[in-house]
Amino acid sequence: MRLANGIIIDKEKTFGVLKFSALRREVHIPNEDGTVSEEIKERTYDLKCKEQGRMIQVSIPASVPLKEFDYNAEVEIINPVADTVATATFQGADVDWYIKADDIVLKNKHSVSNTMTNPSQTVTKINKQ
């Protein structure tokens, strides 16, 4: 069983504060003969999740560059979607949840890009009337 489009998540209510832990694994694309290729399909990262009270795993596409943030750096996940995979058993089904996202970025990245990098720089504001 699969959800058609996954479950769209309210990031603040579901995760609260997220902190980067480490790269958990890389999923490689198999070759035609079944052996593992060098081409990476996706990367899964461990993130500390305050709201859930535990570590969560978030997968992002391999087209996104490798994330090497500092341990415990506050991060944000871009466009997270939760989905499931169910496997039938003799007593019902086992369901595994997973989270995929478009990217993982530093939480304060947006505010850092708007600040001056050199304190000797001056900013002049021009008012047009």
Protein backbone atom coordinates (compact mmCIF):
# COMPACT_ATOMS: atom_id res chain seq x y z
CA MET A 1 0.00 0.00 0.00
CA ARG A 2 1.23 3.50 -0.82
CA LEU A 3 -0.35 6.88 -0.28
CA ALA A 4 -0.91 8.47 -3.67
CA ASN A 5 0.95 11.71 -2.99
CA GLY A 6 2.19 11.28 0.57
CA ILE A 7 1.11 13.44 3.50
CA ILE A 8 2.02 17.13 3.41
CA ILE A 9 3.47 18.17 6.77
CA ASP A 10 3.15 21.33 8.87
CA LYS A 11 6.86 21.61 9.71
CA GLU A 12 6.58 23.71 12.88
CA LYS A 13 3.84 21.62 14.52
CA THR A 14 5.26 18.25 13.47
CA PHE A 15 8.99 18.77 14.00
CA GLY A 16 9.57 21.93 16.02
CA VAL A 17 13.32 22.54 16.22
CA LEU A 18 15.45 20.28 14.01
CA LYS A 19 19.17 19.83 14.61
CA PHE A 20 21.60 18.20 12.20
CA SER A 21 23.27 15.00 13.36
CA ALA A 22 24.90 13.10 10.47
CA LEU A 23 24.62 11.42 7.11
CA ARG A 24 22.95 8.06 7.78
CA ARG A 25 23.23 6.33 4.40
CA GLU A 26 23.47 6.75 0.65
CA VAL A 27 21.16 4.74 -1.61
CA HIS A 28 22.88 3.66 -4.83
CA ILE A 29 21.16 2.86 -8.11
CA PRO A 30 21.59 -0.82 -9.00
CA ASN A 31 23.18 -1.88 -12.30
CA GLU A 32 21.24 -4.01 -14.78
CA ASP A 33 22.93 -7.15 -13.43
CA GLY A 34 21.83 -6.33 -9.88
CA THR A 35 25.21 -5.14 -8.59
CA VAL A 36 25.52 -1.78 -6.86
CA SER A 37 26.60 1.12 -9.06
CA GLU A 38 28.57 4.19 -8.01
CA GLU A 39 25.60 6.44 -8.90
CA ILE A 40 23.75 7.73 -5.83
CA LYS A 41 19.95 7.94 -5.90
CA GLU A 42 19.35 9.69 -2.54
CA ARG A 43 20.96 10.48 0.80
CA THR A 44 19.33 10.03 4.20
CA TYR A 45 20.29 12.21 7.14
CA ASP A 46 19.66 11.88 10.87
CA LEU A 47 18.06 14.95 12.39
CA LYS A 48 17.29 15.51 16.08
CA CYS A 49 13.60 16.36 16.32
CA LYS A 50 12.47 18.29 19.40
CA GLU A 51 8.71 17.90 18.84
CA GLN A 52 8.92 14.13 18.24
CA GLY A 53 11.44 13.69 21.05
CA ARG A 54 13.71 11.47 18.97
CA MET A 55 15.95 11.23 15.92
CA ILE A 56 14.21 11.24 12.55
CA GLN A 57 15.57 10.28 9.15
CA VAL A 58 14.99 12.56 6.16
CA SER A 59 15.90 11.58 2.58
CA ILE A 60 16.80 14.11 -0.09
CA PRO A 61 17.68 13.57 -3.76
CA ALA A 62 21.31 12.99 -4.73
CA SER A 63 21.06 15.96 -7.10
CA VAL A 64 21.31 18.12 -3.96
CA PRO A 65 24.94 18.51 -2.83
CA LEU A 66 26.16 16.52 0.19
CA LYS A 67 25.25 18.21 3.49
CA GLU A 68 28.12 18.62 5.94
CA PHE A 69 26.70 20.93 8.60
CA ASP A 70 28.13 21.22 12.10
CA TYR A 71 26.75 18.75 14.64
CA ASN A 72 23.66 20.25 16.33
CA ALA A 73 23.35 23.06 13.76
CA GLU A 74 19.71 24.13 13.54
CA VAL A 75 18.30 23.14 10.14
CA GLU A 76 15.09 23.33 8.17
CA ILE A 77 13.70 20.80 5.71
CA ILE A 78 12.24 22.10 2.46
CA ASN A 79 8.89 20.68 1.28
CA PRO A 80 8.77 17.59 3.54
CA VAL A 81 6.37 14.77 2.68
CA ALA A 82 5.66 11.70 4.82
CA ASP A 83 4.85 8.46 3.06
CA THR A 84 4.47 4.79 3.90
CA VAL A 85 5.33 1.37 2.60
CA ALA A 86 3.28 -1.56 3.88
CA THR A 87 4.26 -5.21 3.67
CA ALA A 88 1.61 -7.88 4.14
CA THR A 89 2.25 -10.42 6.91
CA PHE A 90 0.30 -13.40 8.20
CA GLN A 91 -1.07 -11.24 11.03
CA GLY A 92 -1.87 -8.10 9.02
CA ALA A 93 0.78 -5.71 7.74
CA ASP A 94 4.00 -4.02 8.76
CA VAL A 95 4.03 -0.32 7.93
CA ASP A 96 7.19 1.75 7.59
CA TRP A 97 7.01 5.55 7.56
CA TYR A 98 9.60 7.68 5.84
CA ILE A 99 10.14 11.37 5.21
CA LYS A 100 11.40 12.82 1.95
CA ALA A 101 12.24 16.46 1.31
CA ASP A 102 13.59 18.63 -1.49
CA ASP A 103 16.51 19.89 0.62
CA ILE A 104 17.94 20.47 4.10
CA VAL A 105 19.23 24.00 4.77
CA LEU A 106 20.61 25.88 7.76
CA LYS A 107 17.75 27.54 9.65
CA ASN A 108 19.49 30.92 9.93
CA LYS A 109 20.86 30.85 6.36
CA HIS A 110 18.32 33.42 5.17
CA SER A 111 19.18 35.91 7.93
CA VAL A 112 22.95 35.40 7.47
CA SER A 113 22.77 36.28 3.78
CA ASN A 114 21.14 39.62 4.64
CA THR A 115 23.79 40.71 7.15
CA MET A 116 27.04 42.47 6.36
CA THR A 117 30.08 40.24 6.26
CA ASN A 118 32.57 43.08 6.79
CA PRO A 119 31.83 45.43 9.74
CA SER A 120 33.79 48.25 8.06
CA GLN A 121 31.23 48.38 5.25
CA THR A 122 28.64 51.13 5.38
CA VAL A 123 25.17 50.93 3.95
CA THR A 124 23.56 53.98 2.39
CA LYS A 125 19.80 54.03 2.03
CA ILE A 126 18.39 56.09 -0.79
CA ASN A 127 14.84 57.38 -0.43
CA LYS A 128 13.01 58.12 -3.66
CA GLN A 129 10.12 60.51 -3.42
